[in-house]
Amino acid sequence: MGIFERLLGKRKMAEKQPKNNENKDVESCWKPLPAFVSSDRNEHERVSLIATAIAAGDHPNSQFVVKRIMKRNPEVRLVSVIAASLTATTMNGNQLNVKRVAKKK
């Protein structure tokens, strides 16, 4: 009977430990910054013209529609460069990849 209970019996769910509220408090005071932001209307024409020329290539009769033009967030770029520069001084020969940047609310 012990074999059937082990094979077919319901397994007890492990008791879940309560999550720390401290972690939620820390996460709630930080606002993630987007990596890309909308570009100005003044830049749209030039960027669209260059993108369609590259995409069309040798097919002048093809159509290409630009739906959205975005540029790198200057604040995220600045923080990434500073962080990479600081770590480059301590760790020679290593690369740093910034995944996400957050700002304190």
C-alpha atoms as a PDB file:
ATOM      1  CA  MET A   1       0.000   0.000   0.000  1.00  0.00           C
ATOM      2  CA  GLY A   2       2.914   2.342   0.627  1.00  0.00           C
ATOM      3  CA  ILE A   3       4.025   2.094  -2.998  1.00  0.00           C
ATOM      4  CA  PHE A   4       0.595   3.118  -4.327  1.00  0.00           C
ATOM      5  CA  GLU A   5       0.397   6.026  -1.910  1.00  0.00           C
ATOM      6  CA  ARG A   6       3.767   7.289  -3.057  1.00  0.00           C
ATOM      7  CA  LEU A   7       2.953   6.891  -6.747  1.00  0.00           C
ATOM      8  CA  LEU A   8      -0.675   7.972  -6.820  1.00  0.00           C
ATOM      9  CA  GLY A   9      -1.082  10.000  -3.658  1.00  0.00           C
ATOM     10  CA  LYS A  10      -1.306  13.767  -3.614  1.00  0.00           C
ATOM     11  CA  ARG A  11       1.904  15.486  -2.779  1.00  0.00           C
ATOM     12  CA  LYS A  12       1.925  18.121  -0.101  1.00  0.00           C
ATOM     13  CA  MET A  13       2.637  21.564  -1.396  1.00  0.00           C
ATOM     14  CA  ALA A  14       5.624  23.197   0.201  1.00  0.00           C
ATOM     15  CA  GLU A  15       4.598  26.006   2.466  1.00  0.00           C
ATOM     16  CA  LYS A  16       5.315  29.306   0.867  1.00  0.00           C
ATOM     17  CA  GLN A  17       7.405  31.708   2.858  1.00  0.00           C
ATOM     18  CA  PRO A  18       6.018  35.211   3.179  1.00  0.00           C
ATOM     19  CA  LYS A  19       7.735  37.689   0.892  1.00  0.00           C
ATOM     20  CA  ASN A  20       9.725  40.502   2.375  1.00  0.00           C
ATOM     21  CA  ASN A  21       7.966  43.840   2.251  1.00  0.00           C
ATOM     22  CA  GLU A  22      11.360  45.547   2.301  1.00  0.00           C
ATOM     23  CA  ASN A  23      12.045  44.401  -1.254  1.00  0.00           C
ATOM     24  CA  LYS A  24       8.745  45.882  -2.480  1.00  0.00           C
ATOM     25  CA  ASP A  25       9.481  49.167  -0.711  1.00  0.00           C
ATOM     26  CA  VAL A  26      12.848  49.438  -2.419  1.00  0.00           C
ATOM     27  CA  GLU A  27      11.354  48.638  -5.832  1.00  0.00           C
ATOM     28  CA  SER A  28       8.489  51.084  -5.369  1.00  0.00           C
ATOM     29  CA  CYS A  29      10.812  54.061  -4.877  1.00  0.00           C
ATOM     30  CA  TRP A  30      12.598  53.485  -8.219  1.00  0.00           C
ATOM     31  CA  LYS A  31      11.131  54.393 -11.614  1.00  0.00           C
ATOM     32  CA  PRO A  32      12.579  52.570 -14.658  1.00  0.00           C
ATOM     33  CA  LEU A  33      13.721  54.827 -17.479  1.00  0.00           C
ATOM     34  CA  PRO A  34      12.872  53.845 -21.066  1.00  0.00           C
ATOM     35  CA  ALA A  35      15.852  53.064 -23.297  1.00  0.00           C
ATOM     36  CA  PHE A  36      14.252  54.885 -26.241  1.00  0.00           C
ATOM     37  CA  VAL A  37      12.125  58.055 -26.401  1.00  0.00           C
ATOM     38  CA  SER A  38      10.096  59.614 -29.207  1.00  0.00           C
ATOM     39  CA  SER A  39      12.063  61.853 -31.527  1.00  0.00           C
ATOM     40  CA  ASP A  40      11.166  65.405 -32.481  1.00  0.00           C
ATOM     41  CA  ARG A  41       8.969  66.089 -35.508  1.00  0.00           C
ATOM     42  CA  ASN A  42      11.853  68.032 -37.082  1.00  0.00           C
ATOM     43  CA  GLU A  43      13.967  64.863 -37.283  1.00  0.00           C
ATOM     44  CA  HIS A  44      11.244  62.639 -38.781  1.00  0.00           C
ATOM     45  CA  GLU A  45      11.626  63.688 -42.414  1.00  0.00           C
ATOM     46  CA  ARG A  46      15.397  63.222 -42.569  1.00  0.00           C
ATOM     47  CA  VAL A  47      15.344  59.872 -40.742  1.00  0.00           C
ATOM     48  CA  SER A  48      12.446  58.574 -42.857  1.00  0.00           C
ATOM     49  CA  LEU A  49      14.208  59.567 -46.068  1.00  0.00           C
ATOM     50  CA  ILE A  50      17.461  57.827 -45.089  1.00  0.00           C
ATOM     51  CA  ALA A  51      15.667  54.698 -43.830  1.00  0.00           C
ATOM     52  CA  THR A  52      13.547  54.316 -46.967  1.00  0.00           C
ATOM     53  CA  ALA A  53      16.570  54.849 -49.226  1.00  0.00           C
ATOM     54  CA  ILE A  54      18.508  52.125 -47.413  1.00  0.00           C
ATOM     55  CA  ALA A  55      15.537  49.739 -47.302  1.00  0.00           C
ATOM     56  CA  ALA A  56      14.616  50.218 -50.952  1.00  0.00           C
ATOM     57  CA  GLY A  57      18.163  49.529 -52.122  1.00  0.00           C
ATOM     58  CA  ASP A  58      18.038  48.284 -55.716  1.00  0.00           C
ATOM     59  CA  HIS A  59      14.225  48.112 -55.822  1.00  0.00           C
ATOM     60  CA  PRO A  60      13.026  51.670 -56.549  1.00  0.00           C
ATOM     61  CA  ASN A  61       9.396  50.582 -57.078  1.00  0.00           C
ATOM     62  CA  SER A  62       9.032  49.084 -53.588  1.00  0.00           C
ATOM     63  CA  GLN A  63       7.137  50.782 -50.773  1.00  0.00           C
ATOM     64  CA  PHE A  64       8.351  51.332 -47.244  1.00  0.00           C
ATOM     65  CA  VAL A  65       6.279  52.804 -44.407  1.00  0.00           C
ATOM     66  CA  VAL A  66       7.892  54.288 -41.309  1.00  0.00           C
ATOM     67  CA  LYS A  67       5.470  53.895 -38.416  1.00  0.00           C
ATOM     68  CA  ARG A  68       7.457  55.181 -35.492  1.00  0.00           C
ATOM     69  CA  ILE A  69      10.800  56.924 -35.056  1.00  0.00           C
ATOM     70  CA  MET A  70      12.511  56.733 -31.700  1.00  0.00           C
ATOM     71  CA  LYS A  71      15.945  57.751 -30.461  1.00  0.00           C
ATOM     72  CA  ARG A  72      18.126  56.709 -27.543  1.00  0.00           C
ATOM     73  CA  ASN A  73      17.211  58.312 -24.240  1.00  0.00           C
ATOM     74  CA  PRO A  74      20.025  60.820 -23.558  1.00  0.00           C
ATOM     75  CA  GLU A  75      19.745  60.355 -19.788  1.00  0.00           C
ATOM     76  CA  VAL A  76      20.091  56.563 -20.051  1.00  0.00           C
ATOM     77  CA  ARG A  77      22.988  56.929 -22.458  1.00  0.00           C
ATOM     78  CA  LEU A  78      24.835  59.281 -20.085  1.00  0.00           C
ATOM     79  CA  VAL A  79      24.338  56.986 -17.085  1.00  0.00           C
ATOM     80  CA  SER A  80      25.480  53.973 -19.120  1.00  0.00           C
ATOM     81  CA  VAL A  81      28.661  55.727 -20.248  1.00  0.00           C
ATOM     82  CA  ILE A  82      29.478  56.839 -16.701  1.00  0.00           C
ATOM     83  CA  ALA A  83      28.865  53.355 -15.273  1.00  0.00           C
ATOM     84  CA  ALA A  84      30.955  51.709 -17.990  1.00  0.00           C
ATOM     85  CA  SER A  85      33.779  54.200 -17.467  1.00  0.00           C
ATOM     86  CA  LEU A  86      33.837  53.648 -13.721  1.00  0.00           C
ATOM     87  CA  THR A  87      33.919  49.873 -14.016  1.00  0.00           C
ATOM     88  CA  ALA A  88      36.528  49.981 -16.787  1.00  0.00           C
ATOM     89  CA  THR A  89      38.966  51.620 -14.378  1.00  0.00           C
ATOM     90  CA  THR A  90      38.665  48.757 -11.895  1.00  0.00           C
ATOM     91  CA  MET A  91      38.277  45.763 -14.227  1.00  0.00           C
ATOM     92  CA  ASN A  92      40.648  45.792 -17.195  1.00  0.00           C
ATOM     93  CA  GLY A  93      39.684  43.808 -20.276  1.00  0.00           C
ATOM     94  CA  ASN A  94      36.048  43.252 -19.252  1.00  0.00           C
ATOM     95  CA  GLN A  95      32.921  44.484 -20.970  1.00  0.00           C
ATOM     96  CA  LEU A  96      29.895  45.978 -19.251  1.00  0.00           C
ATOM     97  CA  ASN A  97      26.376  45.632 -20.617  1.00  0.00           C
ATOM     98  CA  VAL A  98      23.820  47.945 -18.989  1.00  0.00           C
ATOM     99  CA  LYS A  99      20.451  46.175 -19.064  1.00  0.00           C
ATOM    100  CA  ARG A 100      18.283  48.688 -17.255  1.00  0.00           C
ATOM    101  CA  VAL A 101      18.497  52.154 -15.696  1.00  0.00           C
ATOM    102  CA  ALA A 102      16.169  53.377 -12.957  1.00  0.00           C
ATOM    103  CA  LYS A 103      15.619  56.779 -11.404  1.00  0.00           C
ATOM    104  CA  LYS A 104      14.679  57.446  -7.791  1.00  0.00           C
ATOM    105  CA  LYS A 105      11.157  58.882  -7.505  1.00  0.00           C
END
